[in-house]
Amino acid sequence: MLANQQIISLLRKKMSDNHRQKDNIYASPQTEINRFSFDNAVADVFADMIDRSVPGYNKIIQMTEIIAQNLGPNTSDTNNLTRGYYDLGCSLGASLLAMRQGVARSCQDKPDLIGLTMITGIDNSEAMIKRCQDNIDRDKSPISVVVRCENIEETPQFAAYFVPFFKNVPQATLELRTKSAQIRSLLKHEAVKNVIIALSFSPERVSKQLEHRVPAF
């Protein structure tokens, strides 16, 4: 049986073969720029798009695996067993695979803890979720991963889990960056000094043409 790392490497190659088309979406002049969306055309070239637009992306994925391993279930204290991992905007699933790999490492000598981890991927693009699910399914691992197509405002467990968590870790800061005004699930919680909601606004013309429902100034 292949080691998990070998499986991940083979999966990444498969993702490259299937989805890593060159990003030429805006290579040619366009008389009209349509509203950007993570549709099938973008999902097909997203691996190339994010590698070129996010410096150090591969390092981020590697660090995600290490963090997940360090935070994996590692105690016999039943009050501290269940761990929740979220990838908000999971796209093709690279971070989910990294988290799954890290958790698997943390449970390597403790197989009874494997079922006590919750890994959830959220994305509001059906095209991304479909490809993400395909990639997760190819990765044969005992660590369960669930992907859902929804806005993070509709993710009921997220705020309930992370806001109280960061309240108890005052040396850390959680910054939630959003372009949406739909933050009702967060408003149900008392204010926490180290939990910051950062809203970004766009000029009205940009909001109407390119960023649907983004608040304008």
C-alpha atoms as a PDB file:
ATOM      1  CA  MET A   1       0.000   0.000   0.000  1.00  0.00           C
ATOM      2  CA  LEU A   2       1.269   3.449  -0.870  1.00  0.00           C
ATOM      3  CA  ALA A   3       2.111   5.837   1.957  1.00  0.00           C
ATOM      4  CA  ASN A   4      -0.233   8.798   2.295  1.00  0.00           C
ATOM      5  CA  GLN A   5       2.405  11.215   0.995  1.00  0.00           C
ATOM      6  CA  GLN A   6       2.821   9.123  -2.156  1.00  0.00           C
ATOM      7  CA  ILE A   7      -0.935   9.111  -2.671  1.00  0.00           C
ATOM      8  CA  ILE A   8      -1.075  12.882  -2.281  1.00  0.00           C
ATOM      9  CA  SER A   9       1.747  13.280  -4.819  1.00  0.00           C
ATOM     10  CA  LEU A  10      -0.030  11.047  -7.315  1.00  0.00           C
ATOM     11  CA  LEU A  11      -3.285  12.904  -6.706  1.00  0.00           C
ATOM     12  CA  ARG A  12      -1.636  16.260  -7.305  1.00  0.00           C
ATOM     13  CA  LYS A  13      -0.265  14.927 -10.586  1.00  0.00           C
ATOM     14  CA  LYS A  14      -3.753  13.713 -11.501  1.00  0.00           C
ATOM     15  CA  MET A  15      -5.187  17.130 -10.630  1.00  0.00           C
ATOM     16  CA  SER A  16      -2.510  18.661 -12.825  1.00  0.00           C
ATOM     17  CA  ASP A  17      -3.374  16.359 -15.741  1.00  0.00           C
ATOM     18  CA  ASN A  18      -7.134  16.890 -15.427  1.00  0.00           C
ATOM     19  CA  HIS A  19      -7.526  20.468 -14.297  1.00  0.00           C
ATOM     20  CA  ARG A  20      -4.302  22.355 -14.802  1.00  0.00           C
ATOM     21  CA  GLN A  21      -5.132  24.027 -18.039  1.00  0.00           C
ATOM     22  CA  LYS A  22      -3.314  27.268 -18.726  1.00  0.00           C
ATOM     23  CA  ASP A  23      -5.185  30.352 -17.576  1.00  0.00           C
ATOM     24  CA  ASN A  24      -5.938  32.388 -20.705  1.00  0.00           C
ATOM     25  CA  ILE A  25      -9.289  33.787 -19.587  1.00  0.00           C
ATOM     26  CA  TYR A  26      -8.170  37.431 -19.818  1.00  0.00           C
ATOM     27  CA  ALA A  27      -5.331  36.908 -22.310  1.00  0.00           C
ATOM     28  CA  SER A  28      -7.194  38.618 -25.148  1.00  0.00           C
ATOM     29  CA  PRO A  29      -8.697  42.136 -25.164  1.00  0.00           C
ATOM     30  CA  GLN A  30     -12.394  42.164 -24.291  1.00  0.00           C
ATOM     31  CA  THR A  31     -14.888  44.792 -25.331  1.00  0.00           C
ATOM     32  CA  GLU A  32     -16.975  44.091 -22.236  1.00  0.00           C
ATOM     33  CA  ILE A  33     -15.839  42.609 -18.926  1.00  0.00           C
ATOM     34  CA  ASN A  34     -18.504  40.375 -17.465  1.00  0.00           C
ATOM     35  CA  ARG A  35     -18.985  39.855 -13.749  1.00  0.00           C
ATOM     36  CA  PHE A  36     -16.274  37.497 -12.488  1.00  0.00           C
ATOM     37  CA  SER A  37     -17.505  34.173 -11.154  1.00  0.00           C
ATOM     38  CA  PHE A  38     -15.938  30.871 -10.199  1.00  0.00           C
ATOM     39  CA  ASP A  39     -17.663  29.017 -13.008  1.00  0.00           C
ATOM     40  CA  ASN A  40     -16.519  25.985 -14.990  1.00  0.00           C
ATOM     41  CA  ALA A  41     -14.137  28.058 -17.116  1.00  0.00           C
ATOM     42  CA  VAL A  42     -12.368  29.433 -14.032  1.00  0.00           C
ATOM     43  CA  ALA A  43     -12.420  26.115 -12.177  1.00  0.00           C
ATOM     44  CA  ASP A  44     -10.706  24.415 -15.137  1.00  0.00           C
ATOM     45  CA  VAL A  45      -7.721  26.806 -14.971  1.00  0.00           C
ATOM     46  CA  PHE A  46      -7.791  27.619 -11.251  1.00  0.00           C
ATOM     47  CA  ALA A  47      -4.710  25.552 -10.337  1.00  0.00           C
ATOM     48  CA  ASP A  48      -2.641  27.615 -12.780  1.00  0.00           C
ATOM     49  CA  MET A  49      -4.399  30.839 -11.770  1.00  0.00           C
ATOM     50  CA  ILE A  50      -3.702  30.507  -8.042  1.00  0.00           C
ATOM     51  CA  ASP A  51      -0.090  29.357  -8.474  1.00  0.00           C
ATOM     52  CA  ARG A  52       0.626  32.504 -10.488  1.00  0.00           C
ATOM     53  CA  SER A  53      -1.360  34.936  -8.336  1.00  0.00           C
ATOM     54  CA  VAL A  54      -0.534  33.782  -4.767  1.00  0.00           C
ATOM     55  CA  PRO A  55       3.195  33.929  -3.965  1.00  0.00           C
ATOM     56  CA  GLY A  56       4.331  30.972  -1.869  1.00  0.00           C
ATOM     57  CA  TYR A  57       1.084  29.061  -2.339  1.00  0.00           C
ATOM     58  CA  ASN A  58       2.790  25.655  -2.158  1.00  0.00           C
ATOM     59  CA  LYS A  59       4.479  26.693   1.095  1.00  0.00           C
ATOM     60  CA  ILE A  60       1.096  27.691   2.520  1.00  0.00           C
ATOM     61  CA  ILE A  61      -0.233  24.218   1.712  1.00  0.00           C
ATOM     62  CA  GLN A  62       2.802  22.590   3.334  1.00  0.00           C
ATOM     63  CA  MET A  63       2.372  24.705   6.486  1.00  0.00           C
ATOM     64  CA  THR A  64      -1.327  23.805   6.591  1.00  0.00           C
ATOM     65  CA  GLU A  65      -0.366  20.140   6.805  1.00  0.00           C
ATOM     66  CA  ILE A  66       2.074  20.819   9.650  1.00  0.00           C
ATOM     67  CA  ILE A  67      -0.466  22.899  11.602  1.00  0.00           C
ATOM     68  CA  ALA A  68      -3.136  20.214  11.183  1.00  0.00           C
ATOM     69  CA  GLN A  69      -0.712  17.582  12.411  1.00  0.00           C
ATOM     70  CA  ASN A  70       0.170  19.638  15.496  1.00  0.00           C
ATOM     71  CA  LEU A  71      -3.500  20.300  16.277  1.00  0.00           C
ATOM     72  CA  GLY A  72      -4.726  16.784  15.581  1.00  0.00           C
ATOM     73  CA  PRO A  73      -6.398  14.653  18.275  1.00  0.00           C
ATOM     74  CA  ASN A  74      -3.605  13.621  20.598  1.00  0.00           C
ATOM     75  CA  THR A  75      -5.049  13.024  24.030  1.00  0.00           C
ATOM     76  CA  SER A  76      -7.121  10.460  25.903  1.00  0.00           C
ATOM     77  CA  ASP A  77      -9.092  13.267  27.578  1.00  0.00           C
ATOM     78  CA  THR A  78     -12.577  12.780  26.148  1.00  0.00           C
ATOM     79  CA  ASN A  79     -13.375  16.459  26.738  1.00  0.00           C
ATOM     80  CA  ASN A  80     -10.664  17.435  24.262  1.00  0.00           C
ATOM     81  CA  LEU A  81     -10.994  14.857  21.517  1.00  0.00           C
ATOM     82  CA  THR A  82     -13.170  16.302  18.783  1.00  0.00           C
ATOM     83  CA  ARG A  83     -11.248  18.742  16.566  1.00  0.00           C
ATOM     84  CA  GLY A  84     -12.837  20.854  13.869  1.00  0.00           C
ATOM     85  CA  TYR A  85     -10.975  21.926  10.723  1.00  0.00           C
ATOM     86  CA  TYR A  86     -12.530  24.264   8.158  1.00  0.00           C
ATOM     87  CA  ASP A  87     -11.379  25.339   4.719  1.00  0.00           C
ATOM     88  CA  LEU A  88     -13.499  28.339   3.772  1.00  0.00           C
ATOM     89  CA  GLY A  89     -13.269  28.708   0.019  1.00  0.00           C
ATOM     90  CA  CYS A  90     -11.856  25.220  -0.484  1.00  0.00           C
ATOM     91  CA  SER A  91     -11.748  25.489  -4.319  1.00  0.00           C
ATOM     92  CA  LEU A  92     -10.077  22.317  -5.694  1.00  0.00           C
ATOM     93  CA  GLY A  93      -9.291  20.911  -2.243  1.00  0.00           C
ATOM     94  CA  ALA A  94      -5.525  21.378  -1.856  1.00  0.00           C
ATOM     95  CA  SER A  95      -5.787  22.611   1.749  1.00  0.00           C
ATOM     96  CA  LEU A  96      -8.304  19.901   2.611  1.00  0.00           C
ATOM     97  CA  LEU A  97      -5.895  17.251   1.390  1.00  0.00           C
ATOM     98  CA  ALA A  98      -3.091  18.848   3.387  1.00  0.00           C
ATOM     99  CA  MET A  99      -5.225  18.911   6.549  1.00  0.00           C
ATOM    100  CA  ARG A 100      -6.249  15.295   6.003  1.00  0.00           C
ATOM    101  CA  GLN A 101      -2.599  14.319   5.600  1.00  0.00           C
ATOM    102  CA  GLY A 102      -1.616  16.189   8.772  1.00  0.00           C
ATOM    103  CA  VAL A 103      -4.409  14.683  10.858  1.00  0.00           C
ATOM    104  CA  ALA A 104      -3.536  11.219   9.561  1.00  0.00           C
ATOM    105  CA  ARG A 105       0.028  11.723  10.755  1.00  0.00           C
ATOM    106  CA  SER A 106      -1.130  12.832  14.200  1.00  0.00           C
ATOM    107  CA  CYS A 107      -3.255   9.656  14.464  1.00  0.00           C
ATOM    108  CA  GLN A 108      -0.587   7.364  13.049  1.00  0.00           C
ATOM    109  CA  ASP A 109       0.011   5.554  16.340  1.00  0.00           C
ATOM    110  CA  LYS A 110      -3.482   6.168  17.737  1.00  0.00           C
ATOM    111  CA  PRO A 111      -5.972   4.654  15.251  1.00  0.00           C
ATOM    112  CA  ASP A 112      -8.791   4.893  17.811  1.00  0.00           C
ATOM    113  CA  LEU A 113      -8.711   8.697  17.378  1.00  0.00           C
ATOM    114  CA  ILE A 114      -9.207   8.670  13.596  1.00  0.00           C
ATOM    115  CA  GLY A 115     -12.970   9.112  13.753  1.00  0.00           C
ATOM    116  CA  LEU A 116     -12.805  12.020  16.168  1.00  0.00           C
ATOM    117  CA  THR A 117     -11.894  14.735  13.682  1.00  0.00           C
ATOM    118  CA  MET A 118     -14.247  16.934  11.638  1.00  0.00           C
ATOM    119  CA  ILE A 119     -12.763  18.313   8.388  1.00  0.00           C
ATOM    120  CA  THR A 120     -15.157  20.490   6.397  1.00  0.00           C
ATOM    121  CA  GLY A 121     -14.650  22.268   3.083  1.00  0.00           C
ATOM    122  CA  ILE A 122     -16.978  25.131   2.146  1.00  0.00           C
ATOM    123  CA  ASP A 123     -17.240  26.858  -1.224  1.00  0.00           C
ATOM    124  CA  ASN A 124     -20.132  28.676  -2.877  1.00  0.00           C
ATOM    125  CA  SER A 125     -19.082  27.621  -6.384  1.00  0.00           C
ATOM    126  CA  GLU A 126     -20.741  24.463  -7.680  1.00  0.00           C
ATOM    127  CA  ALA A 127     -18.003  24.073 -10.288  1.00  0.00           C
ATOM    128  CA  MET A 128     -15.283  24.141  -7.609  1.00  0.00           C
ATOM    129  CA  ILE A 129     -17.149  21.824  -5.254  1.00  0.00           C
ATOM    130  CA  LYS A 130     -17.635  19.212  -7.972  1.00  0.00           C
ATOM    131  CA  ARG A 131     -13.919  19.119  -8.767  1.00  0.00           C
ATOM    132  CA  CYS A 132     -13.006  19.260  -5.086  1.00  0.00           C
ATOM    133  CA  GLN A 133     -15.202  16.250  -4.315  1.00  0.00           C
ATOM    134  CA  ASP A 134     -13.607  14.324  -7.185  1.00  0.00           C
ATOM    135  CA  ASN A 135     -10.140  15.058  -5.786  1.00  0.00           C
ATOM    136  CA  ILE A 136     -11.123  14.109  -2.235  1.00  0.00           C
ATOM    137  CA  ASP A 137     -12.649  10.843  -3.474  1.00  0.00           C
ATOM    138  CA  ARG A 138      -9.416   9.905  -5.260  1.00  0.00           C
ATOM    139  CA  ASP A 139      -7.463  10.267  -2.021  1.00  0.00           C
ATOM    140  CA  LYS A 140      -8.072   7.038  -0.101  1.00  0.00           C
ATOM    141  CA  SER A 141      -7.767   7.999   3.550  1.00  0.00           C
ATOM    142  CA  PRO A 142      -9.561   6.953   6.756  1.00  0.00           C
ATOM    143  CA  ILE A 143      -9.880  10.638   7.731  1.00  0.00           C
ATOM    144  CA  SER A 144     -13.352  11.849   6.836  1.00  0.00           C
ATOM    145  CA  VAL A 145     -13.730  15.028   4.757  1.00  0.00           C
ATOM    146  CA  VAL A 146     -17.082  16.657   3.967  1.00  0.00           C
ATOM    147  CA  VAL A 147     -17.443  19.340   1.282  1.00  0.00           C
ATOM    148  CA  ARG A 148     -20.510  21.547   0.978  1.00  0.00           C
ATOM    149  CA  CYS A 149     -21.630  24.123  -1.554  1.00  0.00           C
ATOM    150  CA  GLU A 150     -22.794  27.083   0.518  1.00  0.00           C
ATOM    151  CA  ASN A 151     -21.876  30.574   1.673  1.00  0.00           C
ATOM    152  CA  ILE A 152     -19.924  30.661   4.915  1.00  0.00           C
ATOM    153  CA  GLU A 153     -22.732  32.717   6.443  1.00  0.00           C
ATOM    154  CA  GLU A 154     -24.838  29.559   6.095  1.00  0.00           C
ATOM    155  CA  THR A 155     -22.259  27.362   7.836  1.00  0.00           C
ATOM    156  CA  PRO A 156     -23.857  26.978  11.270  1.00  0.00           C
ATOM    157  CA  GLN A 157     -20.967  25.325  13.097  1.00  0.00           C
ATOM    158  CA  PHE A 158     -18.272  27.788  12.064  1.00  0.00           C
ATOM    159  CA  ALA A 159     -19.020  30.771  14.288  1.00  0.00           C
ATOM    160  CA  ALA A 160     -20.268  28.532  17.112  1.00  0.00           C
ATOM    161  CA  TYR A 161     -16.961  26.667  17.117  1.00  0.00           C
ATOM    162  CA  PHE A 162     -14.334  29.318  16.407  1.00  0.00           C
ATOM    163  CA  VAL A 163     -15.576  32.425  18.241  1.00  0.00           C
ATOM    164  CA  PRO A 164     -15.582  30.707  21.675  1.00  0.00           C
ATOM    165  CA  PHE A 165     -12.297  28.983  20.795  1.00  0.00           C
ATOM    166  CA  PHE A 166     -10.472  32.256  20.142  1.00  0.00           C
ATOM    167  CA  LYS A 167     -12.053  33.851  23.201  1.00  0.00           C
ATOM    168  CA  ASN A 168     -10.117  31.280  25.225  1.00  0.00           C
ATOM    169  CA  VAL A 169      -6.881  31.888  23.295  1.00  0.00           C
ATOM    170  CA  PRO A 170      -6.303  35.634  23.875  1.00  0.00           C
ATOM    171  CA  GLN A 171      -2.764  35.551  22.464  1.00  0.00           C
ATOM    172  CA  ALA A 172      -4.177  34.718  19.015  1.00  0.00           C
ATOM    173  CA  THR A 173      -6.297  36.795  16.650  1.00  0.00           C
ATOM    174  CA  LEU A 174      -9.005  35.609  14.266  1.00  0.00           C
ATOM    175  CA  GLU A 175      -9.614  38.015  11.382  1.00  0.00           C
ATOM    176  CA  LEU A 176     -12.630  37.197   9.238  1.00  0.00           C
ATOM    177  CA  ARG A 177     -12.335  39.032   5.939  1.00  0.00           C
ATOM    178  CA  THR A 178     -15.480  39.300   3.885  1.00  0.00           C
ATOM    179  CA  LYS A 179     -17.075  41.316   1.103  1.00  0.00           C
ATOM    180  CA  SER A 180     -20.522  40.266   2.243  1.00  0.00           C
ATOM    181  CA  ALA A 181     -22.800  42.070   4.656  1.00  0.00           C
ATOM    182  CA  GLN A 182     -24.431  38.770   5.615  1.00  0.00           C
ATOM    183  CA  ILE A 183     -22.816  38.283   9.025  1.00  0.00           C
ATOM    184  CA  ARG A 184     -25.921  37.410  11.042  1.00  0.00           C
ATOM    185  CA  SER A 185     -24.426  34.180  12.422  1.00  0.00           C
ATOM    186  CA  LEU A 186     -21.562  36.193  13.932  1.00  0.00           C
ATOM    187  CA  LEU A 187     -23.825  38.827  15.453  1.00  0.00           C
ATOM    188  CA  LYS A 188     -25.421  36.170  17.646  1.00  0.00           C
ATOM    189  CA  HIS A 189     -22.189  35.996  19.674  1.00  0.00           C
ATOM    190  CA  GLU A 190     -20.918  38.440  22.256  1.00  0.00           C
ATOM    191  CA  ALA A 191     -18.077  40.693  21.123  1.00  0.00           C
ATOM    192  CA  VAL A 192     -14.630  39.128  21.501  1.00  0.00           C
ATOM    193  CA  LYS A 193     -11.629  41.455  21.472  1.00  0.00           C
ATOM    194  CA  ASN A 194      -9.422  39.181  19.380  1.00  0.00           C
ATOM    195  CA  VAL A 195     -12.095  38.254  16.799  1.00  0.00           C
ATOM    196  CA  ILE A 196     -12.155  40.897  14.051  1.00  0.00           C
ATOM    197  CA  ILE A 197     -14.636  41.188  11.192  1.00  0.00           C
ATOM    198  CA  ALA A 198     -12.972  43.011   8.293  1.00  0.00           C
ATOM    199  CA  LEU A 199     -15.350  44.254   5.583  1.00  0.00           C
ATOM    200  CA  SER A 200     -14.065  45.414   2.209  1.00  0.00           C
ATOM    201  CA  PHE A 201     -16.039  47.742  -0.057  1.00  0.00           C
ATOM    202  CA  SER A 202     -15.865  48.437  -3.772  1.00  0.00           C
ATOM    203  CA  PRO A 203     -16.732  51.463  -5.913  1.00  0.00           C
ATOM    204  CA  GLU A 204     -20.370  51.322  -6.980  1.00  0.00           C
ATOM    205  CA  ARG A 205     -19.486  50.723 -10.651  1.00  0.00           C
ATOM    206  CA  VAL A 206     -17.265  47.758  -9.758  1.00  0.00           C
ATOM    207  CA  SER A 207     -19.862  46.376  -7.364  1.00  0.00           C
ATOM    208  CA  LYS A 208     -22.587  46.429 -10.006  1.00  0.00           C
ATOM    209  CA  GLN A 209     -20.502  45.097 -12.888  1.00  0.00           C
ATOM    210  CA  LEU A 210     -18.095  42.635 -11.281  1.00  0.00           C
ATOM    211  CA  GLU A 211     -18.822  41.879  -7.623  1.00  0.00           C
ATOM    212  CA  HIS A 212     -22.449  40.958  -7.142  1.00  0.00           C
ATOM    213  CA  ARG A 213     -23.871  41.989  -3.743  1.00  0.00           C
ATOM    214  CA  VAL A 214     -20.600  43.489  -2.518  1.00  0.00           C
ATOM    215  CA  PRO A 215     -21.332  46.676  -0.516  1.00  0.00           C
ATOM    216  CA  ALA A 216     -20.407  49.818  -2.463  1.00  0.00           C
ATOM    217  CA  PHE A 217     -19.091  53.148  -1.235  1.00  0.00           C
END
